[in-house]
Amino acid sequence: MDKPKQGLEEMVDRVIDNPAYDMLGGYHMFLRRVTIPILLILIFMIVYDFLLGYLSSDLTLILSALVTGLSVGPIIGLETYLAIRRQGK
């Protein structure tokens, strides 16, 4: 059987009761939502600037987007690893 969809109240309660979000004095959620996109933008800009000297503009844009997209998983994994490691101390 399918579980019923959670309402907004249940999702908020789950986040509030989660001890992982209490790290860094409660700023963990803010830092996660701000630093990960900024890091992705920086990766895109660095790769785009590096490849622009070697390839055409269209191909550089595509490859930069591909590298940035492929880096999302490792960045989120690293953030999760650091959060688990910090919680264990």
PDB file of N, CA and C in Angstrom:
ATOM      1  N   MET A   1       0.830  -1.176   0.000  1.00  0.00           N
ATOM      2  CA  MET A   1       0.000   0.000   0.000  1.00  0.00           C
ATOM      3  C   MET A   1       0.873   1.236   0.000  1.00  0.00           C
ATOM      4  N   ASP A   2       0.390   2.250  -0.625  1.00  0.00           N
ATOM      5  CA  ASP A   2       1.110   3.517  -0.661  1.00  0.00           C
ATOM      6  C   ASP A   2       0.865   4.294   0.625  1.00  0.00           C
ATOM      7  N   LYS A   3       1.933   4.944   1.064  1.00  0.00           N
ATOM      8  CA  LYS A   3       1.779   5.803   2.238  1.00  0.00           C
ATOM      9  C   LYS A   3       1.087   7.089   1.811  1.00  0.00           C
ATOM     10  N   PRO A   4       0.226   7.610   2.648  1.00  0.00           N
ATOM     11  CA  PRO A   4      -0.400   8.888   2.289  1.00  0.00           C
ATOM     12  C   PRO A   4       0.648   9.987   2.260  1.00  0.00           C
ATOM     13  N   LYS A   5       0.423  10.972   1.394  1.00  0.00           N
ATOM     14  CA  LYS A   5       1.368  12.081   1.288  1.00  0.00           C
ATOM     15  C   LYS A   5       1.398  12.870   2.591  1.00  0.00           C
ATOM     16  N   GLN A   6       2.609  13.289   2.941  1.00  0.00           N
ATOM     17  CA  GLN A   6       2.744  14.068   4.165  1.00  0.00           C
ATOM     18  C   GLN A   6       2.300  15.500   3.894  1.00  0.00           C
ATOM     19  N   GLY A   7       1.633  16.045   4.860  1.00  0.00           N
ATOM     20  CA  GLY A   7       1.245  17.432   4.764  1.00  0.00           C
ATOM     21  C   GLY A   7       2.382  18.335   5.182  1.00  0.00           C
ATOM     22  N   LEU A   8       2.188  19.604   5.021  1.00  0.00           N
ATOM     23  CA  LEU A   8       3.222  20.578   5.362  1.00  0.00           C
ATOM     24  C   LEU A   8       3.569  20.524   6.844  1.00  0.00           C
ATOM     25  N   GLU A   9       2.580  20.347   7.689  1.00  0.00           N
ATOM     26  CA  GLU A   9       2.832  20.309   9.133  1.00  0.00           C
ATOM     27  C   GLU A   9       3.722  19.133   9.514  1.00  0.00           C
ATOM     28  N   GLU A  10       3.480  17.964   8.912  1.00  0.00           N
ATOM     29  CA  GLU A  10       4.301  16.792   9.222  1.00  0.00           C
ATOM     30  C   GLU A  10       5.733  16.988   8.749  1.00  0.00           C
ATOM     31  N   MET A  11       5.908  17.608   7.574  1.00  0.00           N
ATOM     32  CA  MET A  11       7.261  17.846   7.067  1.00  0.00           C
ATOM     33  C   MET A  11       8.005  18.848   7.945  1.00  0.00           C
ATOM     34  N   VAL A  12       7.327  19.889   8.375  1.00  0.00           N
ATOM     35  CA  VAL A  12       7.955  20.879   9.250  1.00  0.00           C
ATOM     36  C   VAL A  12       8.327  20.242  10.583  1.00  0.00           C
ATOM     37  N   ASP A  13       7.445  19.424  11.140  1.00  0.00           N
ATOM     38  CA  ASP A  13       7.745  18.738  12.395  1.00  0.00           C
ATOM     39  C   ASP A  13       8.952  17.818  12.244  1.00  0.00           C
ATOM     40  N   ARG A  14       9.037  17.140  11.104  1.00  0.00           N
ATOM     41  CA  ARG A  14      10.159  16.238  10.880  1.00  0.00           C
ATOM     42  C   ARG A  14      11.478  16.997  10.819  1.00  0.00           C
ATOM     43  N   VAL A  15      11.469  18.170  10.208  1.00  0.00           N
ATOM     44  CA  VAL A  15      12.687  18.979  10.125  1.00  0.00           C
ATOM     45  C   VAL A  15      13.038  19.557  11.495  1.00  0.00           C
ATOM     46  N   ILE A  16      12.046  20.039  12.212  1.00  0.00           N
ATOM     47  CA  ILE A  16      12.298  20.653  13.519  1.00  0.00           C
ATOM     48  C   ILE A  16      12.818  19.618  14.507  1.00  0.00           C
ATOM     49  N   ASP A  17      12.292  18.404  14.461  1.00  0.00           N
ATOM     50  CA  ASP A  17      12.698  17.360  15.401  1.00  0.00           C
ATOM     51  C   ASP A  17      13.985  16.648  14.991  1.00  0.00           C
ATOM     52  N   ASN A  18      14.523  16.957  13.835  1.00  0.00           N
ATOM     53  CA  ASN A  18      15.727  16.291  13.358  1.00  0.00           C
ATOM     54  C   ASN A  18      16.951  16.943  13.992  1.00  0.00           C
ATOM     55  N   PRO A  19      17.745  16.180  14.748  1.00  0.00           N
ATOM     56  CA  PRO A  19      18.913  16.782  15.407  1.00  0.00           C
ATOM     57  C   PRO A  19      20.012  17.196  14.424  1.00  0.00           C
ATOM     58  N   ALA A  20      19.973  16.705  13.200  1.00  0.00           N
ATOM     59  CA  ALA A  20      21.004  17.074  12.220  1.00  0.00           C
ATOM     60  C   ALA A  20      20.936  18.564  11.885  1.00  0.00           C
ATOM     61  N   TYR A  21      19.761  19.148  12.009  1.00  0.00           N
ATOM     62  CA  TYR A  21      19.605  20.558  11.653  1.00  0.00           C
ATOM     63  C   TYR A  21      19.917  21.495  12.819  1.00  0.00           C
ATOM     64  N   ASP A  22      20.269  20.943  13.971  1.00  0.00           N
ATOM     65  CA  ASP A  22      20.645  21.759  15.114  1.00  0.00           C
ATOM     66  C   ASP A  22      22.116  22.120  15.102  1.00  0.00           C
ATOM     67  N   MET A  23      22.853  21.585  14.156  1.00  0.00           N
ATOM     68  CA  MET A  23      24.285  21.856  14.105  1.00  0.00           C
ATOM     69  C   MET A  23      24.537  23.321  13.781  1.00  0.00           C
ATOM     70  N   LEU A  24      25.679  23.782  14.164  1.00  0.00           N
ATOM     71  CA  LEU A  24      26.129  25.150  13.908  1.00  0.00           C
ATOM     72  C   LEU A  24      25.141  26.175  14.462  1.00  0.00           C
ATOM     73  N   GLY A  25      24.555  25.871  15.554  1.00  0.00           N
ATOM     74  CA  GLY A  25      23.641  26.797  16.196  1.00  0.00           C
ATOM     75  C   GLY A  25      22.366  27.038  15.410  1.00  0.00           C
ATOM     76  N   GLY A  26      21.948  26.075  14.611  1.00  0.00           N
ATOM     77  CA  GLY A  26      20.738  26.225  13.814  1.00  0.00           C
ATOM     78  C   GLY A  26      20.971  26.827  12.444  1.00  0.00           C
ATOM     79  N   TYR A  27      22.196  27.210  12.141  1.00  0.00           N
ATOM     80  CA  TYR A  27      22.501  27.816  10.848  1.00  0.00           C
ATOM     81  C   TYR A  27      22.811  26.785   9.769  1.00  0.00           C
ATOM     82  N   HIS A  28      22.777  25.513  10.093  1.00  0.00           N
ATOM     83  CA  HIS A  28      23.136  24.482   9.125  1.00  0.00           C
ATOM     84  C   HIS A  28      22.236  24.523   7.892  1.00  0.00           C
ATOM     85  N   MET A  29      20.947  24.647   8.089  1.00  0.00           N
ATOM     86  CA  MET A  29      20.020  24.689   6.945  1.00  0.00           C
ATOM     87  C   MET A  29      20.287  25.904   6.071  1.00  0.00           C
ATOM     88  N   PHE A  30      20.508  27.057   6.699  1.00  0.00           N
ATOM     89  CA  PHE A  30      20.799  28.273   5.933  1.00  0.00           C
ATOM     90  C   PHE A  30      22.091  28.117   5.141  1.00  0.00           C
ATOM     91  N   LEU A  31      23.137  27.625   5.803  1.00  0.00           N
ATOM     92  CA  LEU A  31      24.416  27.469   5.118  1.00  0.00           C
ATOM     93  C   LEU A  31      24.324  26.455   3.987  1.00  0.00           C
ATOM     94  N   ARG A  32      23.554  25.396   4.217  1.00  0.00           N
ATOM     95  CA  ARG A  32      23.401  24.387   3.170  1.00  0.00           C
ATOM     96  C   ARG A  32      22.692  24.971   1.951  1.00  0.00           C
ATOM     97  N   ARG A  33      21.674  25.748   2.185  1.00  0.00           N
ATOM     98  CA  ARG A  33      20.901  26.294   1.064  1.00  0.00           C
ATOM     99  C   ARG A  33      21.605  27.450   0.369  1.00  0.00           C
ATOM    100  N   VAL A  34      22.590  28.038   1.007  1.00  0.00           N
ATOM    101  CA  VAL A  34      23.314  29.152   0.399  1.00  0.00           C
ATOM    102  C   VAL A  34      24.640  28.698  -0.194  1.00  0.00           C
ATOM    103  N   THR A  35      25.392  27.918   0.548  1.00  0.00           N
ATOM    104  CA  THR A  35      26.742  27.584   0.092  1.00  0.00           C
ATOM    105  C   THR A  35      26.761  26.590  -1.063  1.00  0.00           C
ATOM    106  N   ILE A  36      25.854  25.637  -1.087  1.00  0.00           N
ATOM    107  CA  ILE A  36      25.861  24.660  -2.176  1.00  0.00           C
ATOM    108  C   ILE A  36      25.577  25.332  -3.516  1.00  0.00           C
ATOM    109  N   PRO A  37      24.556  26.177  -3.664  1.00  0.00           N
ATOM    110  CA  PRO A  37      24.373  26.857  -4.950  1.00  0.00           C
ATOM    111  C   PRO A  37      25.537  27.779  -5.317  1.00  0.00           C
ATOM    112  N   ILE A  38      26.100  28.469  -4.327  1.00  0.00           N
ATOM    113  CA  ILE A  38      27.246  29.338  -4.627  1.00  0.00           C
ATOM    114  C   ILE A  38      28.426  28.503  -5.093  1.00  0.00           C
ATOM    115  N   LEU A  39      28.650  27.366  -4.471  1.00  0.00           N
ATOM    116  CA  LEU A  39      29.729  26.480  -4.886  1.00  0.00           C
ATOM    117  C   LEU A  39      29.505  25.956  -6.302  1.00  0.00           C
ATOM    118  N   LEU A  40      28.274  25.618  -6.639  1.00  0.00           N
ATOM    119  CA  LEU A  40      27.971  25.156  -7.990  1.00  0.00           C
ATOM    120  C   LEU A  40      28.177  26.260  -9.024  1.00  0.00           C
ATOM    121  N   ILE A  41      27.800  27.471  -8.682  1.00  0.00           N
ATOM    122  CA  ILE A  41      28.018  28.598  -9.599  1.00  0.00           C
ATOM    123  C   ILE A  41      29.506  28.832  -9.809  1.00  0.00           C
ATOM    124  N   LEU A  42      30.287  28.748  -8.741  1.00  0.00           N
ATOM    125  CA  LEU A  42      31.729  28.928  -8.864  1.00  0.00           C
ATOM    126  C   LEU A  42      32.365  27.833  -9.718  1.00  0.00           C
ATOM    127  N   ILE A  43      31.919  26.600  -9.547  1.00  0.00           N
ATOM    128  CA  ILE A  43      32.434  25.506 -10.378  1.00  0.00           C
ATOM    129  C   ILE A  43      32.118  25.771 -11.843  1.00  0.00           C
ATOM    130  N   PHE A  44      30.885  26.190 -12.121  1.00  0.00           N
ATOM    131  CA  PHE A  44      30.498  26.482 -13.501  1.00  0.00           C
ATOM    132  C   PHE A  44      31.370  27.586 -14.084  1.00  0.00           C
ATOM    133  N   MET A  45      31.561  28.651 -13.336  1.00  0.00           N
ATOM    134  CA  MET A  45      32.340  29.782 -13.849  1.00  0.00           C
ATOM    135  C   MET A  45      33.802  29.412 -14.076  1.00  0.00           C
ATOM    136  N   ILE A  46      34.389  28.636 -13.185  1.00  0.00           N
ATOM    137  CA  ILE A  46      35.787  28.230 -13.336  1.00  0.00           C
ATOM    138  C   ILE A  46      35.961  27.321 -14.543  1.00  0.00           C
ATOM    139  N   VAL A  47      35.080  26.335 -14.693  1.00  0.00           N
ATOM    140  CA  VAL A  47      35.180  25.421 -15.832  1.00  0.00           C
ATOM    141  C   VAL A  47      34.924  26.171 -17.137  1.00  0.00           C
ATOM    142  N   TYR A  48      33.941  27.052 -17.148  1.00  0.00           N
ATOM    143  CA  TYR A  48      33.628  27.823 -18.360  1.00  0.00           C
ATOM    144  C   TYR A  48      34.815  28.700 -18.755  1.00  0.00           C
ATOM    145  N   ASP A  49      35.397  29.384 -17.792  1.00  0.00           N
ATOM    146  CA  ASP A  49      36.529  30.259 -18.081  1.00  0.00           C
ATOM    147  C   ASP A  49      37.735  29.465 -18.573  1.00  0.00           C
ATOM    148  N   PHE A  50      37.967  28.304 -17.979  1.00  0.00           N
ATOM    149  CA  PHE A  50      39.096  27.475 -18.391  1.00  0.00           C
ATOM    150  C   PHE A  50      38.915  26.939 -19.804  1.00  0.00           C
ATOM    151  N   LEU A  51      37.725  26.443 -20.135  1.00  0.00           N
ATOM    152  CA  LEU A  51      37.488  25.827 -21.442  1.00  0.00           C
ATOM    153  C   LEU A  51      37.290  26.837 -22.555  1.00  0.00           C
ATOM    154  N   LEU A  52      36.961  28.064 -22.222  1.00  0.00           N
ATOM    155  CA  LEU A  52      36.676  29.068 -23.254  1.00  0.00           C
ATOM    156  C   LEU A  52      37.889  29.337 -24.133  1.00  0.00           C
ATOM    157  N   GLY A  53      39.076  29.195 -23.598  1.00  0.00           N
ATOM    158  CA  GLY A  53      40.279  29.412 -24.390  1.00  0.00           C
ATOM    159  C   GLY A  53      40.572  28.291 -25.366  1.00  0.00           C
ATOM    160  N   TYR A  54      39.953  27.118 -25.179  1.00  0.00           N
ATOM    161  CA  TYR A  54      40.266  25.955 -25.996  1.00  0.00           C
ATOM    162  C   TYR A  54      39.150  25.527 -26.936  1.00  0.00           C
ATOM    163  N   LEU A  55      37.910  25.791 -26.584  1.00  0.00           N
ATOM    164  CA  LEU A  55      36.774  25.290 -27.361  1.00  0.00           C
ATOM    165  C   LEU A  55      35.861  26.441 -27.764  1.00  0.00           C
ATOM    166  N   SER A  56      34.891  26.135 -28.628  1.00  0.00           N
ATOM    167  CA  SER A  56      33.921  27.157 -29.032  1.00  0.00           C
ATOM    168  C   SER A  56      32.997  27.482 -27.861  1.00  0.00           C
ATOM    169  N   SER A  57      32.311  28.575 -27.980  1.00  0.00           N
ATOM    170  CA  SER A  57      31.463  29.060 -26.890  1.00  0.00           C
ATOM    171  C   SER A  57      30.322  28.094 -26.581  1.00  0.00           C
ATOM    172  N   ASP A  58      29.685  27.554 -27.607  1.00  0.00           N
ATOM    173  CA  ASP A  58      28.562  26.639 -27.388  1.00  0.00           C
ATOM    174  C   ASP A  58      29.009  25.346 -26.709  1.00  0.00           C
ATOM    175  N   LEU A  59      30.115  24.782 -27.186  1.00  0.00           N
ATOM    176  CA  LEU A  59      30.618  23.549 -26.596  1.00  0.00           C
ATOM    177  C   LEU A  59      31.109  23.782 -25.167  1.00  0.00           C
ATOM    178  N   THR A  60      31.701  24.936 -24.940  1.00  0.00           N
ATOM    179  CA  THR A  60      32.154  25.281 -23.591  1.00  0.00           C
ATOM    180  C   THR A  60      30.975  25.370 -22.632  1.00  0.00           C
ATOM    181  N   LEU A  61      29.892  25.964 -23.070  1.00  0.00           N
ATOM    182  CA  LEU A  61      28.696  26.086 -22.236  1.00  0.00           C
ATOM    183  C   LEU A  61      28.127  24.708 -21.897  1.00  0.00           C
ATOM    184  N   ILE A  62      28.077  23.823 -22.879  1.00  0.00           N
ATOM    185  CA  ILE A  62      27.531  22.488 -22.659  1.00  0.00           C
ATOM    186  C   ILE A  62      28.417  21.690 -21.701  1.00  0.00           C
ATOM    187  N   LEU A  63      29.721  21.727 -21.926  1.00  0.00           N
ATOM    188  CA  LEU A  63      30.629  20.977 -21.061  1.00  0.00           C
ATOM    189  C   LEU A  63      30.664  21.534 -19.641  1.00  0.00           C
ATOM    190  N   SER A  64      30.570  22.838 -19.519  1.00  0.00           N
ATOM    191  CA  SER A  64      30.536  23.446 -18.183  1.00  0.00           C
ATOM    192  C   SER A  64      29.283  23.025 -17.424  1.00  0.00           C
ATOM    193  N   ALA A  65      28.155  23.016 -18.110  1.00  0.00           N
ATOM    194  CA  ALA A  65      26.912  22.575 -17.473  1.00  0.00           C
ATOM    195  C   ALA A  65      26.985  21.094 -17.103  1.00  0.00           C
ATOM    196  N   LEU A  66      27.609  20.289 -17.956  1.00  0.00           N
ATOM    197  CA  LEU A  66      27.747  18.868 -17.675  1.00  0.00           C
ATOM    198  C   LEU A  66      28.626  18.622 -16.449  1.00  0.00           C
ATOM    199  N   VAL A  67      29.768  19.298 -16.381  1.00  0.00           N
ATOM    200  CA  VAL A  67      30.661  19.132 -15.234  1.00  0.00           C
ATOM    201  C   VAL A  67      29.982  19.617 -13.958  1.00  0.00           C
ATOM    202  N   THR A  68      29.283  20.726 -14.034  1.00  0.00           N
ATOM    203  CA  THR A  68      28.582  21.254 -12.860  1.00  0.00           C
ATOM    204  C   THR A  68      27.486  20.300 -12.407  1.00  0.00           C
ATOM    205  N   GLY A  69      26.739  19.755 -13.338  1.00  0.00           N
ATOM    206  CA  GLY A  69      25.694  18.798 -12.996  1.00  0.00           C
ATOM    207  C   GLY A  69      26.250  17.532 -12.377  1.00  0.00           C
ATOM    208  N   LEU A  70      27.390  17.071 -12.888  1.00  0.00           N
ATOM    209  CA  LEU A  70      28.001  15.869 -12.336  1.00  0.00           C
ATOM    210  C   LEU A  70      28.628  16.110 -10.963  1.00  0.00           C
ATOM    211  N   SER A  71      28.867  17.363 -10.618  1.00  0.00           N
ATOM    212  CA  SER A  71      29.464  17.656  -9.318  1.00  0.00           C
ATOM    213  C   SER A  71      28.418  17.828  -8.209  1.00  0.00           C
ATOM    214  N   VAL A  72      27.140  17.832  -8.551  1.00  0.00           N
ATOM    215  CA  VAL A  72      26.092  18.001  -7.535  1.00  0.00           C
ATOM    216  C   VAL A  72      26.102  16.839  -6.541  1.00  0.00           C
ATOM    217  N   GLY A  73      26.166  15.624  -7.035  1.00  0.00           N
ATOM    218  CA  GLY A  73      26.167  14.446  -6.157  1.00  0.00           C
ATOM    219  C   GLY A  73      27.328  14.424  -5.180  1.00  0.00           C
ATOM    220  N   PRO A  74      28.567  14.598  -5.677  1.00  0.00           N
ATOM    221  CA  PRO A  74      29.688  14.608  -4.735  1.00  0.00           C
ATOM    222  C   PRO A  74      29.633  15.754  -3.725  1.00  0.00           C
ATOM    223  N   ILE A  75      29.138  16.905  -4.116  1.00  0.00           N
ATOM    224  CA  ILE A  75      29.050  18.033  -3.178  1.00  0.00           C
ATOM    225  C   ILE A  75      28.044  17.730  -2.075  1.00  0.00           C
ATOM    226  N   ILE A  76      26.891  17.200  -2.432  1.00  0.00           N
ATOM    227  CA  ILE A  76      25.882  16.862  -1.427  1.00  0.00           C
ATOM    228  C   ILE A  76      26.368  15.705  -0.561  1.00  0.00           C
ATOM    229  N   GLY A  77      27.066  14.748  -1.161  1.00  0.00           N
ATOM    230  CA  GLY A  77      27.644  13.654  -0.392  1.00  0.00           C
ATOM    231  C   GLY A  77      28.686  14.139   0.603  1.00  0.00           C
ATOM    232  N   LEU A  78      29.528  15.079   0.174  1.00  0.00           N
ATOM    233  CA  LEU A  78      30.534  15.646   1.068  1.00  0.00           C
ATOM    234  C   LEU A  78      29.880  16.403   2.215  1.00  0.00           C
ATOM    235  N   GLU A  79      28.837  17.149   1.904  1.00  0.00           N
ATOM    236  CA  GLU A  79      28.121  17.893   2.944  1.00  0.00           C
ATOM    237  C   GLU A  79      27.486  16.936   3.947  1.00  0.00           C
ATOM    238  N   THR A  80      26.914  15.850   3.465  1.00  0.00           N
ATOM    239  CA  THR A  80      26.313  14.853   4.349  1.00  0.00           C
ATOM    240  C   THR A  80      27.379  14.180   5.201  1.00  0.00           C
ATOM    241  N   TYR A  81      28.509  13.842   4.596  1.00  0.00           N
ATOM    242  CA  TYR A  81      29.603  13.220   5.332  1.00  0.00           C
ATOM    243  C   TYR A  81      30.102  14.143   6.443  1.00  0.00           C
ATOM    244  N   LEU A  82      30.290  15.419   6.120  1.00  0.00           N
ATOM    245  CA  LEU A  82      30.756  16.366   7.129  1.00  0.00           C
ATOM    246  C   LEU A  82      29.735  16.544   8.247  1.00  0.00           C
ATOM    247  N   ALA A  83      28.442  16.531   7.902  1.00  0.00           N
ATOM    248  CA  ALA A  83      27.402  16.666   8.925  1.00  0.00           C
ATOM    249  C   ALA A  83      27.394  15.441   9.844  1.00  0.00           C
ATOM    250  N   ILE A  84      27.526  14.256   9.267  1.00  0.00           N
ATOM    251  CA  ILE A  84      27.542  13.032  10.087  1.00  0.00           C
ATOM    252  C   ILE A  84      28.786  13.001  10.960  1.00  0.00           C
ATOM    253  N   ARG A  85      29.901  13.402  10.390  1.00  0.00           N
ATOM    254  CA  ARG A  85      31.161  13.406  11.147  1.00  0.00           C
ATOM    255  C   ARG A  85      31.096  14.415  12.295  1.00  0.00           C
ATOM    256  N   ARG A  86      30.515  15.576  12.023  1.00  0.00           N
ATOM    257  CA  ARG A  86      30.406  16.599  13.054  1.00  0.00           C
ATOM    258  C   ARG A  86      29.435  16.169  14.151  1.00  0.00           C
ATOM    259  N   GLN A  87      28.370  15.467  13.777  1.00  0.00           N
ATOM    260  CA  GLN A  87      27.401  15.002  14.767  1.00  0.00           C
ATOM    261  C   GLN A  87      27.997  13.932  15.674  1.00  0.00           C
ATOM    262  N   GLY A  88      28.928  13.141  15.137  1.00  0.00           N
ATOM    263  CA  GLY A  88      29.509  12.060  15.910  1.00  0.00           C
ATOM    264  C   GLY A  88      30.449  12.533  17.001  1.00  0.00           C
ATOM    265  N   LYS A  89      30.929  13.774  16.917  1.00  0.00           N
ATOM    266  CA  LYS A  89      31.878  14.268  17.913  1.00  0.00           C
ATOM    267  C   LYS A  89      31.186  14.633  19.194  1.00  0.00           C
TER     268      LYS A  89
END
